């Protein structure tokens, strides 16, 4: 039983890194807000055993009302505050012992900016992403795993919204994602170390806007508190390059952020519920940008072996 709980904890730790990764919202009739677009996904999770199916759903909420220029608090700008609520659905299946396919779909319940006298808001689908992940190395004796993967991102904003680009539910562009996942366990101590790296590249959308490439690195430390409850601590760096419009750089875009994220995970049979809260440690923003103040979320996971009993 403890072996399955260990697997579940490892999976959930990596899930949190996946759905807290953010892309930049460009400044087009509004503020350039870092952290408005979480990229949900099983992309950063290790592989599943052959015949195993995993389904995840999560909710995340972000808001902010402070501007930064570089790493210094700046004067208030055009937008007074922002908030967003996001839902994600993630489904993964182990095709072979060393190969897993994952699909993720995201939907914005709300994505709003307050301009003082009025508010602009949008909602709708964000992206669908298909990932293939391959286990390049695995040692049960040393409790070490290395998994690599490649993903393709497809925009799902089917309805044209009369809103600035930064409030639309999707970037409106195709993209590619590269991932790397390292796991080192110490089962006897109930301790695990997980390193997740994700690089994302975006194409230009139909409005000739191109979101900057990003690199996210997360180190997770997980420790069993008691039988079904596990504590997790994530140290995350988020580097994003500047966006472009007609090939010209948007100077009020791109950043370098360091975040500490405490998390709790509770297991019950085939189900698991987890929660997180982000604490910014250091923020550096190019130009002048409205930034995240709070980010928090809940995740629900179910996993089962479809080949059991066959």
C-alpha atoms as a PDB file:
ATOM      1  CA  UNK A   1       0.000   0.000   0.000  1.00  0.00           C
ATOM      2  CA  UNK A   2       2.791   2.427   0.914  1.00  0.00           C
ATOM      3  CA  UNK A   3       4.404   1.809  -2.480  1.00  0.00           C
ATOM      4  CA  UNK A   4       1.273   3.059  -4.283  1.00  0.00           C
ATOM      5  CA  UNK A   5       1.045   6.074  -1.975  1.00  0.00           C
ATOM      6  CA  UNK A   6       4.660   6.932  -2.784  1.00  0.00           C
ATOM      7  CA  UNK A   7       3.880   6.822  -6.512  1.00  0.00           C
ATOM      8  CA  UNK A   8       0.818   9.029  -6.011  1.00  0.00           C
ATOM      9  CA  UNK A   9       2.769  11.587  -3.977  1.00  0.00           C
ATOM     10  CA  UNK A  10       5.488  11.797  -6.636  1.00  0.00           C
ATOM     11  CA  UNK A  11       2.900  12.289  -9.370  1.00  0.00           C
ATOM     12  CA  UNK A  12       1.054  15.016  -7.462  1.00  0.00           C
ATOM     13  CA  UNK A  13       4.225  16.930  -6.666  1.00  0.00           C
ATOM     14  CA  UNK A  14       5.020  17.229 -10.331  1.00  0.00           C
ATOM     15  CA  UNK A  15       1.453  18.136 -11.219  1.00  0.00           C
ATOM     16  CA  UNK A  16       1.713  21.300  -9.141  1.00  0.00           C
ATOM     17  CA  UNK A  17       4.739  22.442 -11.111  1.00  0.00           C
ATOM     18  CA  UNK A  18       2.808  21.854 -14.294  1.00  0.00           C
ATOM     19  CA  UNK A  19      -0.250  23.940 -13.649  1.00  0.00           C
ATOM     20  CA  UNK A  20       1.560  26.841 -12.005  1.00  0.00           C
ATOM     21  CA  UNK A  21       3.770  27.522 -14.961  1.00  0.00           C
ATOM     22  CA  UNK A  22       2.779  30.882 -16.459  1.00  0.00           C
ATOM     23  CA  UNK A  23       2.992  32.704 -19.755  1.00  0.00           C
ATOM     24  CA  UNK A  24       3.104  36.434 -20.325  1.00  0.00           C
ATOM     25  CA  UNK A  25       0.067  38.506 -21.236  1.00  0.00           C
ATOM     26  CA  UNK A  26       1.031  41.249 -23.705  1.00  0.00           C
ATOM     27  CA  UNK A  27       0.291  44.929 -23.224  1.00  0.00           C
ATOM     28  CA  UNK A  28      -2.363  45.680 -25.838  1.00  0.00           C
ATOM     29  CA  UNK A  29      -4.971  48.062 -24.458  1.00  0.00           C
ATOM     30  CA  UNK A  30      -4.305  46.884 -20.915  1.00  0.00           C
ATOM     31  CA  UNK A  31      -1.547  45.884 -18.530  1.00  0.00           C
ATOM     32  CA  UNK A  32       1.115  43.310 -19.103  1.00  0.00           C
ATOM     33  CA  UNK A  33       0.402  40.909 -16.260  1.00  0.00           C
ATOM     34  CA  UNK A  34       2.775  38.126 -15.352  1.00  0.00           C
ATOM     35  CA  UNK A  35       1.061  34.971 -14.155  1.00  0.00           C
ATOM     36  CA  UNK A  36      -2.370  35.308 -15.731  1.00  0.00           C
ATOM     37  CA  UNK A  37      -2.172  32.207 -17.882  1.00  0.00           C
ATOM     38  CA  UNK A  38      -1.361  28.972 -16.068  1.00  0.00           C
ATOM     39  CA  UNK A  39      -0.377  26.164 -18.391  1.00  0.00           C
ATOM     40  CA  UNK A  40      -2.009  23.139 -16.882  1.00  0.00           C
ATOM     41  CA  UNK A  41      -0.606  19.775 -17.615  1.00  0.00           C
ATOM     42  CA  UNK A  42       0.683  16.332 -16.901  1.00  0.00           C
ATOM     43  CA  UNK A  43       3.653  17.383 -19.003  1.00  0.00           C
ATOM     44  CA  UNK A  44       5.916  17.551 -15.958  1.00  0.00           C
ATOM     45  CA  UNK A  45       4.924  14.212 -14.436  1.00  0.00           C
ATOM     46  CA  UNK A  46       6.818  10.937 -14.689  1.00  0.00           C
ATOM     47  CA  UNK A  47       5.497   8.064 -16.763  1.00  0.00           C
ATOM     48  CA  UNK A  48       2.620   5.742 -15.887  1.00  0.00           C
ATOM     49  CA  UNK A  49       2.879   1.969 -15.828  1.00  0.00           C
ATOM     50  CA  UNK A  50       1.447   0.163 -18.852  1.00  0.00           C
ATOM     51  CA  UNK A  51      -2.375   0.075 -18.741  1.00  0.00           C
ATOM     52  CA  UNK A  52      -2.667   2.735 -16.026  1.00  0.00           C
ATOM     53  CA  UNK A  53      -5.115   5.608 -16.543  1.00  0.00           C
ATOM     54  CA  UNK A  54      -4.857   8.880 -14.643  1.00  0.00           C
ATOM     55  CA  UNK A  55      -7.465  11.661 -14.592  1.00  0.00           C
ATOM     56  CA  UNK A  56      -6.874  15.024 -12.913  1.00  0.00           C
ATOM     57  CA  UNK A  57      -8.926  18.149 -12.475  1.00  0.00           C
ATOM     58  CA  UNK A  58      -7.792  21.338 -10.794  1.00  0.00           C
ATOM     59  CA  UNK A  59      -8.802  24.867  -9.978  1.00  0.00           C
ATOM     60  CA  UNK A  60      -6.368  27.782  -9.638  1.00  0.00           C
ATOM     61  CA  UNK A  61      -6.915  31.413  -8.680  1.00  0.00           C
ATOM     62  CA  UNK A  62      -4.564  34.395  -9.108  1.00  0.00           C
ATOM     63  CA  UNK A  63      -4.840  38.122  -8.422  1.00  0.00           C
ATOM     64  CA  UNK A  64      -2.655  41.192  -8.129  1.00  0.00           C
ATOM     65  CA  UNK A  65      -2.667  44.999  -7.804  1.00  0.00           C
ATOM     66  CA  UNK A  66       0.998  46.037  -7.643  1.00  0.00           C
ATOM     67  CA  UNK A  67       3.313  47.176 -10.421  1.00  0.00           C
ATOM     68  CA  UNK A  68       7.020  46.383 -10.596  1.00  0.00           C
ATOM     69  CA  UNK A  69       9.783  47.910 -12.686  1.00  0.00           C
ATOM     70  CA  UNK A  70      12.797  45.650 -12.475  1.00  0.00           C
ATOM     71  CA  UNK A  71      12.798  44.442  -8.866  1.00  0.00           C
ATOM     72  CA  UNK A  72      11.416  47.725  -7.493  1.00  0.00           C
ATOM     73  CA  UNK A  73       7.804  48.514  -6.607  1.00  0.00           C
ATOM     74  CA  UNK A  74       6.474  51.021  -9.169  1.00  0.00           C
ATOM     75  CA  UNK A  75       3.653  53.554  -9.344  1.00  0.00           C
ATOM     76  CA  UNK A  76       0.150  52.409 -10.252  1.00  0.00           C
ATOM     77  CA  UNK A  77      -0.595  52.134 -13.966  1.00  0.00           C
ATOM     78  CA  UNK A  78      -3.650  52.065 -16.218  1.00  0.00           C
ATOM     79  CA  UNK A  79      -4.998  48.789 -14.812  1.00  0.00           C
ATOM     80  CA  UNK A  80      -5.819  48.883 -11.084  1.00  0.00           C
ATOM     81  CA  UNK A  81      -5.969  45.127 -10.477  1.00  0.00           C
ATOM     82  CA  UNK A  82      -6.533  41.766 -12.135  1.00  0.00           C
ATOM     83  CA  UNK A  83      -7.896  38.343 -11.180  1.00  0.00           C
ATOM     84  CA  UNK A  84      -8.309  35.011 -12.940  1.00  0.00           C
ATOM     85  CA  UNK A  85      -9.981  31.656 -12.249  1.00  0.00           C
ATOM     86  CA  UNK A  86      -8.856  28.621 -14.222  1.00  0.00           C
ATOM     87  CA  UNK A  87     -10.022  25.005 -14.576  1.00  0.00           C
ATOM     88  CA  UNK A  88      -7.963  22.188 -16.042  1.00  0.00           C
ATOM     89  CA  UNK A  89      -8.648  18.590 -17.093  1.00  0.00           C
ATOM     90  CA  UNK A  90      -5.728  16.201 -17.555  1.00  0.00           C
ATOM     91  CA  UNK A  91      -5.808  12.610 -18.786  1.00  0.00           C
ATOM     92  CA  UNK A  92      -2.822  10.294 -19.083  1.00  0.00           C
ATOM     93  CA  UNK A  93      -2.392   6.677 -20.164  1.00  0.00           C
ATOM     94  CA  UNK A  94       0.565   4.295 -19.988  1.00  0.00           C
ATOM     95  CA  UNK A  95       0.882   2.805 -23.482  1.00  0.00           C
ATOM     96  CA  UNK A  96       4.086   0.891 -22.662  1.00  0.00           C
ATOM     97  CA  UNK A  97       6.177   0.515 -19.522  1.00  0.00           C
ATOM     98  CA  UNK A  98       8.465   3.299 -20.763  1.00  0.00           C
ATOM     99  CA  UNK A  99       6.005   5.421 -22.769  1.00  0.00           C
ATOM    100  CA  UNK A 100       3.086   7.567 -21.587  1.00  0.00           C
ATOM    101  CA  UNK A 101       0.695   9.815 -23.538  1.00  0.00           C
ATOM    102  CA  UNK A 102      -0.898  12.805 -21.770  1.00  0.00           C
ATOM    103  CA  UNK A 103      -3.594  15.226 -22.894  1.00  0.00           C
ATOM    104  CA  UNK A 104      -4.543  18.465 -21.160  1.00  0.00           C
ATOM    105  CA  UNK A 105      -7.312  21.007 -21.726  1.00  0.00           C
ATOM    106  CA  UNK A 106      -7.675  24.335 -19.920  1.00  0.00           C
ATOM    107  CA  UNK A 107     -10.652  26.679 -19.495  1.00  0.00           C
ATOM    108  CA  UNK A 108     -10.892  30.168 -18.000  1.00  0.00           C
ATOM    109  CA  UNK A 109     -13.962  30.749 -15.852  1.00  0.00           C
ATOM    110  CA  UNK A 110     -12.906  34.383 -15.682  1.00  0.00           C
ATOM    111  CA  UNK A 111      -9.974  36.572 -16.664  1.00  0.00           C
ATOM    112  CA  UNK A 112     -10.526  40.193 -15.699  1.00  0.00           C
ATOM    113  CA  UNK A 113      -8.769  43.554 -15.396  1.00  0.00           C
ATOM    114  CA  UNK A 114     -10.146  46.502 -13.422  1.00  0.00           C
ATOM    115  CA  UNK A 115      -9.430  49.893 -15.030  1.00  0.00           C
ATOM    116  CA  UNK A 116     -11.022  51.858 -12.190  1.00  0.00           C
ATOM    117  CA  UNK A 117     -14.112  53.176 -13.954  1.00  0.00           C
ATOM    118  CA  UNK A 118     -14.794  49.935 -15.824  1.00  0.00           C
ATOM    119  CA  UNK A 119     -13.728  46.268 -16.005  1.00  0.00           C
ATOM    120  CA  UNK A 120     -12.838  44.119 -19.000  1.00  0.00           C
ATOM    121  CA  UNK A 121     -13.179  40.356 -18.659  1.00  0.00           C
ATOM    122  CA  UNK A 122     -13.035  37.251 -20.811  1.00  0.00           C
ATOM    123  CA  UNK A 123     -13.612  33.526 -20.494  1.00  0.00           C
ATOM    124  CA  UNK A 124     -13.311  30.390 -22.584  1.00  0.00           C
ATOM    125  CA  UNK A 125     -10.981  27.565 -23.560  1.00  0.00           C
ATOM    126  CA  UNK A 126      -7.237  28.136 -23.471  1.00  0.00           C
ATOM    127  CA  UNK A 127      -5.208  25.318 -25.093  1.00  0.00           C
ATOM    128  CA  UNK A 128      -5.173  21.592 -25.716  1.00  0.00           C
ATOM    129  CA  UNK A 129      -1.758  19.987 -25.385  1.00  0.00           C
ATOM    130  CA  UNK A 130      -0.652  16.478 -26.345  1.00  0.00           C
ATOM    131  CA  UNK A 131       2.512  15.057 -24.785  1.00  0.00           C
ATOM    132  CA  UNK A 132       4.596  11.978 -25.358  1.00  0.00           C
ATOM    133  CA  UNK A 133       6.949  11.044 -22.493  1.00  0.00           C
ATOM    134  CA  UNK A 134       9.694   8.445 -22.484  1.00  0.00           C
ATOM    135  CA  UNK A 135      11.490   6.986 -19.457  1.00  0.00           C
ATOM    136  CA  UNK A 136      15.162   7.273 -20.431  1.00  0.00           C
ATOM    137  CA  UNK A 137      16.546   5.773 -17.211  1.00  0.00           C
ATOM    138  CA  UNK A 138      15.063   4.005 -14.203  1.00  0.00           C
ATOM    139  CA  UNK A 139      16.761   2.240 -11.279  1.00  0.00           C
ATOM    140  CA  UNK A 140      14.484   0.733  -8.627  1.00  0.00           C
ATOM    141  CA  UNK A 141      17.479  -0.148  -6.456  1.00  0.00           C
ATOM    142  CA  UNK A 142      18.778   3.447  -6.432  1.00  0.00           C
ATOM    143  CA  UNK A 143      15.261   4.952  -6.511  1.00  0.00           C
ATOM    144  CA  UNK A 144      16.222   7.151  -9.450  1.00  0.00           C
ATOM    145  CA  UNK A 145      14.241   8.057 -12.580  1.00  0.00           C
ATOM    146  CA  UNK A 146      14.807  10.327 -15.569  1.00  0.00           C
ATOM    147  CA  UNK A 147      11.968  10.995 -18.003  1.00  0.00           C
ATOM    148  CA  UNK A 148      12.002  13.260 -21.067  1.00  0.00           C
ATOM    149  CA  UNK A 149       9.115  14.447 -23.223  1.00  0.00           C
ATOM    150  CA  UNK A 150       7.869  16.562 -26.087  1.00  0.00           C
ATOM    151  CA  UNK A 151       4.508  18.298 -26.419  1.00  0.00           C
ATOM    152  CA  UNK A 152       2.498  20.248 -28.995  1.00  0.00           C
ATOM    153  CA  UNK A 153       0.140  23.040 -27.869  1.00  0.00           C
ATOM    154  CA  UNK A 154      -3.013  23.873 -29.858  1.00  0.00           C
ATOM    155  CA  UNK A 155      -5.068  27.067 -29.184  1.00  0.00           C
ATOM    156  CA  UNK A 156      -8.767  26.511 -28.460  1.00  0.00           C
ATOM    157  CA  UNK A 157     -10.169  30.047 -28.573  1.00  0.00           C
ATOM    158  CA  UNK A 158     -12.790  29.170 -31.172  1.00  0.00           C
ATOM    159  CA  UNK A 159     -14.883  32.304 -30.553  1.00  0.00           C
ATOM    160  CA  UNK A 160     -13.377  35.667 -31.547  1.00  0.00           C
ATOM    161  CA  UNK A 161     -13.576  37.932 -28.498  1.00  0.00           C
ATOM    162  CA  UNK A 162     -13.584  41.710 -28.820  1.00  0.00           C
ATOM    163  CA  UNK A 163     -10.975  42.064 -26.075  1.00  0.00           C
ATOM    164  CA  UNK A 164      -7.318  43.074 -25.755  1.00  0.00           C
ATOM    165  CA  UNK A 165      -4.905  40.178 -26.332  1.00  0.00           C
ATOM    166  CA  UNK A 166      -3.913  40.034 -22.675  1.00  0.00           C
ATOM    167  CA  UNK A 167      -7.491  39.342 -21.533  1.00  0.00           C
ATOM    168  CA  UNK A 168      -8.309  36.684 -24.122  1.00  0.00           C
ATOM    169  CA  UNK A 169      -8.506  33.118 -22.858  1.00  0.00           C
ATOM    170  CA  UNK A 170      -5.744  31.870 -25.179  1.00  0.00           C
ATOM    171  CA  UNK A 171      -2.490  33.104 -26.677  1.00  0.00           C
ATOM    172  CA  UNK A 172      -4.045  32.232 -30.059  1.00  0.00           C
ATOM    173  CA  UNK A 173      -0.827  30.540 -31.206  1.00  0.00           C
ATOM    174  CA  UNK A 174       0.560  27.056 -31.592  1.00  0.00           C
ATOM    175  CA  UNK A 175       3.516  26.067 -29.466  1.00  0.00           C
ATOM    176  CA  UNK A 176       6.019  23.367 -28.550  1.00  0.00           C
ATOM    177  CA  UNK A 177       7.115  22.148 -25.114  1.00  0.00           C
ATOM    178  CA  UNK A 178      10.222  20.244 -23.994  1.00  0.00           C
ATOM    179  CA  UNK A 179      10.299  18.613 -20.551  1.00  0.00           C
ATOM    180  CA  UNK A 180      12.724  16.800 -18.287  1.00  0.00           C
ATOM    181  CA  UNK A 181      11.882  15.057 -15.010  1.00  0.00           C
ATOM    182  CA  UNK A 182      14.337  13.722 -12.404  1.00  0.00           C
ATOM    183  CA  UNK A 183      13.284  11.834  -9.279  1.00  0.00           C
ATOM    184  CA  UNK A 184      15.482  10.579  -6.447  1.00  0.00           C
ATOM    185  CA  UNK A 185      13.759   8.779  -3.586  1.00  0.00           C
ATOM    186  CA  UNK A 186      14.667   7.685  -0.065  1.00  0.00           C
ATOM    187  CA  UNK A 187      11.778   5.351   0.694  1.00  0.00           C
ATOM    188  CA  UNK A 188      12.946   4.344   4.177  1.00  0.00           C
ATOM    189  CA  UNK A 189      12.848   8.010   5.260  1.00  0.00           C
ATOM    190  CA  UNK A 190       9.695   8.827   3.293  1.00  0.00           C
ATOM    191  CA  UNK A 191      11.683  11.535   1.477  1.00  0.00           C
ATOM    192  CA  UNK A 192      11.762  12.419  -2.231  1.00  0.00           C
ATOM    193  CA  UNK A 193      13.608  14.999  -4.348  1.00  0.00           C
ATOM    194  CA  UNK A 194      12.162  15.930  -7.751  1.00  0.00           C
ATOM    195  CA  UNK A 195      13.664  18.263 -10.348  1.00  0.00           C
ATOM    196  CA  UNK A 196      11.397  19.413 -13.181  1.00  0.00           C
ATOM    197  CA  UNK A 197      12.521  21.462 -16.190  1.00  0.00           C
ATOM    198  CA  UNK A 198      10.150  22.795 -18.834  1.00  0.00           C
ATOM    199  CA  UNK A 199      10.935  24.948 -21.892  1.00  0.00           C
ATOM    200  CA  UNK A 200       8.127  26.411 -23.987  1.00  0.00           C
ATOM    201  CA  UNK A 201       8.291  28.006 -27.435  1.00  0.00           C
ATOM    202  CA  UNK A 202       5.436  29.918 -29.076  1.00  0.00           C
ATOM    203  CA  UNK A 203       4.625  30.726 -32.673  1.00  0.00           C
ATOM    204  CA  UNK A 204       3.206  34.073 -33.804  1.00  0.00           C
ATOM    205  CA  UNK A 205      -0.586  34.349 -33.596  1.00  0.00           C
ATOM    206  CA  UNK A 206      -2.879  35.804 -36.278  1.00  0.00           C
ATOM    207  CA  UNK A 207      -2.522  39.264 -34.720  1.00  0.00           C
ATOM    208  CA  UNK A 208       1.260  39.068 -35.336  1.00  0.00           C
ATOM    209  CA  UNK A 209       1.886  38.833 -31.578  1.00  0.00           C
ATOM    210  CA  UNK A 210       4.423  36.304 -30.364  1.00  0.00           C
ATOM    211  CA  UNK A 211       4.750  35.326 -26.720  1.00  0.00           C
ATOM    212  CA  UNK A 212       8.332  35.013 -25.484  1.00  0.00           C
ATOM    213  CA  UNK A 213       9.920  31.630 -24.830  1.00  0.00           C
ATOM    214  CA  UNK A 214      10.011  30.497 -21.209  1.00  0.00           C
ATOM    215  CA  UNK A 215      12.101  28.212 -19.001  1.00  0.00           C
ATOM    216  CA  UNK A 216      10.730  26.940 -15.701  1.00  0.00           C
ATOM    217  CA  UNK A 217      12.820  24.962 -13.205  1.00  0.00           C
ATOM    218  CA  UNK A 218      11.291  23.466 -10.059  1.00  0.00           C
ATOM    219  CA  UNK A 219      12.867  21.535  -7.201  1.00  0.00           C
ATOM    220  CA  UNK A 220      10.408  19.623  -5.026  1.00  0.00           C
ATOM    221  CA  UNK A 221      11.120  18.151  -1.607  1.00  0.00           C
ATOM    222  CA  UNK A 222       8.381  15.821  -0.332  1.00  0.00           C
ATOM    223  CA  UNK A 223       8.132  14.210   3.102  1.00  0.00           C
ATOM    224  CA  UNK A 224       5.530  11.886   4.599  1.00  0.00           C
ATOM    225  CA  UNK A 225       3.857  13.496   7.607  1.00  0.00           C
ATOM    226  CA  UNK A 226       1.803  10.426   8.452  1.00  0.00           C
ATOM    227  CA  UNK A 227       0.232   7.501   6.581  1.00  0.00           C
ATOM    228  CA  UNK A 228      -1.991   9.413   4.120  1.00  0.00           C
ATOM    229  CA  UNK A 229      -0.742  12.988   4.437  1.00  0.00           C
ATOM    230  CA  UNK A 230       2.378  14.320   2.712  1.00  0.00           C
ATOM    231  CA  UNK A 231       3.992  17.738   2.860  1.00  0.00           C
ATOM    232  CA  UNK A 232       5.711  19.240  -0.203  1.00  0.00           C
ATOM    233  CA  UNK A 233       7.934  22.276  -0.628  1.00  0.00           C
ATOM    234  CA  UNK A 234       8.651  23.646  -4.100  1.00  0.00           C
ATOM    235  CA  UNK A 235      11.435  26.076  -5.052  1.00  0.00           C
ATOM    236  CA  UNK A 236      10.691  27.437  -8.528  1.00  0.00           C
ATOM    237  CA  UNK A 237      12.469  29.775 -10.933  1.00  0.00           C
ATOM    238  CA  UNK A 238      10.498  31.194 -13.873  1.00  0.00           C
ATOM    239  CA  UNK A 239      12.399  32.899 -16.667  1.00  0.00           C
ATOM    240  CA  UNK A 240      10.529  34.395 -19.610  1.00  0.00           C
ATOM    241  CA  UNK A 241      11.845  36.328 -22.611  1.00  0.00           C
ATOM    242  CA  UNK A 242      10.194  39.424 -24.083  1.00  0.00           C
ATOM    243  CA  UNK A 243       7.178  39.218 -26.394  1.00  0.00           C
ATOM    244  CA  UNK A 244       7.187  40.699 -29.898  1.00  0.00           C
ATOM    245  CA  UNK A 245       4.643  42.485 -32.118  1.00  0.00           C
ATOM    246  CA  UNK A 246       5.466  42.715 -35.845  1.00  0.00           C
ATOM    247  CA  UNK A 247       8.901  41.437 -34.819  1.00  0.00           C
ATOM    248  CA  UNK A 248       9.445  44.391 -32.449  1.00  0.00           C
ATOM    249  CA  UNK A 249      10.073  43.579 -28.782  1.00  0.00           C
ATOM    250  CA  UNK A 250       7.490  44.547 -26.165  1.00  0.00           C
ATOM    251  CA  UNK A 251       9.720  46.164 -23.523  1.00  0.00           C
ATOM    252  CA  UNK A 252       7.028  45.717 -20.857  1.00  0.00           C
ATOM    253  CA  UNK A 253       7.134  41.920 -21.007  1.00  0.00           C
ATOM    254  CA  UNK A 254       9.317  39.109 -19.738  1.00  0.00           C
ATOM    255  CA  UNK A 255      10.589  38.430 -16.239  1.00  0.00           C
ATOM    256  CA  UNK A 256      12.740  36.434 -13.840  1.00  0.00           C
ATOM    257  CA  UNK A 257      10.876  35.188 -10.756  1.00  0.00           C
ATOM    258  CA  UNK A 258      11.704  32.952  -7.780  1.00  0.00           C
ATOM    259  CA  UNK A 259       8.850  31.380  -5.808  1.00  0.00           C
ATOM    260  CA  UNK A 260       8.476  29.238  -2.682  1.00  0.00           C
ATOM    261  CA  UNK A 261       5.356  27.067  -2.704  1.00  0.00           C
ATOM    262  CA  UNK A 262       4.263  24.983   0.329  1.00  0.00           C
ATOM    263  CA  UNK A 263       1.836  22.168  -0.532  1.00  0.00           C
ATOM    264  CA  UNK A 264      -0.153  19.405   1.157  1.00  0.00           C
ATOM    265  CA  UNK A 265      -1.375  16.131  -0.362  1.00  0.00           C
ATOM    266  CA  UNK A 266      -3.906  13.672   1.108  1.00  0.00           C
ATOM    267  CA  UNK A 267      -4.481  10.166  -0.311  1.00  0.00           C
ATOM    268  CA  UNK A 268      -7.611   8.051  -0.047  1.00  0.00           C
ATOM    269  CA  UNK A 269      -7.674   4.761  -1.990  1.00  0.00           C
ATOM    270  CA  UNK A 270      -7.443   5.639  -5.733  1.00  0.00           C
ATOM    271  CA  UNK A 271      -8.120   9.342  -5.062  1.00  0.00           C
ATOM    272  CA  UNK A 272      -5.942  12.214  -3.970  1.00  0.00           C
ATOM    273  CA  UNK A 273      -6.567  15.861  -3.089  1.00  0.00           C
ATOM    274  CA  UNK A 274      -3.813  18.490  -2.905  1.00  0.00           C
ATOM    275  CA  UNK A 275      -3.506  22.205  -2.255  1.00  0.00           C
ATOM    276  CA  UNK A 276      -0.800  24.830  -2.782  1.00  0.00           C
ATOM    277  CA  UNK A 277      -0.040  28.484  -2.061  1.00  0.00           C
ATOM    278  CA  UNK A 278       2.679  30.492  -3.853  1.00  0.00           C
ATOM    279  CA  UNK A 279       4.964  32.873  -1.925  1.00  0.00           C
ATOM    280  CA  UNK A 280       7.086  35.167  -4.172  1.00  0.00           C
ATOM    281  CA  UNK A 281      10.687  35.394  -2.952  1.00  0.00           C
ATOM    282  CA  UNK A 282      12.101  37.609  -5.690  1.00  0.00           C
ATOM    283  CA  UNK A 283      10.549  39.335  -8.715  1.00  0.00           C
ATOM    284  CA  UNK A 284      12.256  41.073 -11.609  1.00  0.00           C
ATOM    285  CA  UNK A 285      10.080  42.432 -14.442  1.00  0.00           C
ATOM    286  CA  UNK A 286      11.242  44.089 -17.657  1.00  0.00           C
ATOM    287  CA  UNK A 287       9.834  47.588 -18.132  1.00  0.00           C
ATOM    288  CA  UNK A 288       6.795  48.159 -15.947  1.00  0.00           C
ATOM    289  CA  UNK A 289       4.251  45.401 -15.282  1.00  0.00           C
ATOM    290  CA  UNK A 290       1.293  44.545 -13.080  1.00  0.00           C
ATOM    291  CA  UNK A 291       2.283  41.446 -11.090  1.00  0.00           C
ATOM    292  CA  UNK A 292       0.852  38.533  -9.161  1.00  0.00           C
ATOM    293  CA  UNK A 293       0.067  39.033  -5.479  1.00  0.00           C
ATOM    294  CA  UNK A 294      -1.493  35.656  -4.634  1.00  0.00           C
ATOM    295  CA  UNK A 295      -1.793  32.287  -6.374  1.00  0.00           C
ATOM    296  CA  UNK A 296      -3.474  29.248  -4.870  1.00  0.00           C
ATOM    297  CA  UNK A 297      -5.119  26.075  -6.094  1.00  0.00           C
ATOM    298  CA  UNK A 298      -6.700  22.667  -5.502  1.00  0.00           C
ATOM    299  CA  UNK A 299      -6.115  19.424  -7.413  1.00  0.00           C
ATOM    300  CA  UNK A 300      -8.135  16.196  -7.512  1.00  0.00           C
ATOM    301  CA  UNK A 301      -6.587  13.031  -8.932  1.00  0.00           C
ATOM    302  CA  UNK A 302      -7.838   9.529  -9.725  1.00  0.00           C
ATOM    303  CA  UNK A 303      -5.646   6.703 -11.010  1.00  0.00           C
ATOM    304  CA  UNK A 304      -6.342   3.054 -11.781  1.00  0.00           C
ATOM    305  CA  UNK A 305      -4.903   0.069 -13.631  1.00  0.00           C
ATOM    306  CA  UNK A 306      -7.255  -0.770 -16.510  1.00  0.00           C
ATOM    307  CA  UNK A 307      -5.445  -4.056 -17.146  1.00  0.00           C
ATOM    308  CA  UNK A 308      -6.059  -5.334 -13.631  1.00  0.00           C
ATOM    309  CA  UNK A 309      -7.875  -8.647 -13.724  1.00  0.00           C
ATOM    310  CA  UNK A 310      -7.399  -9.152 -17.477  1.00  0.00           C
END
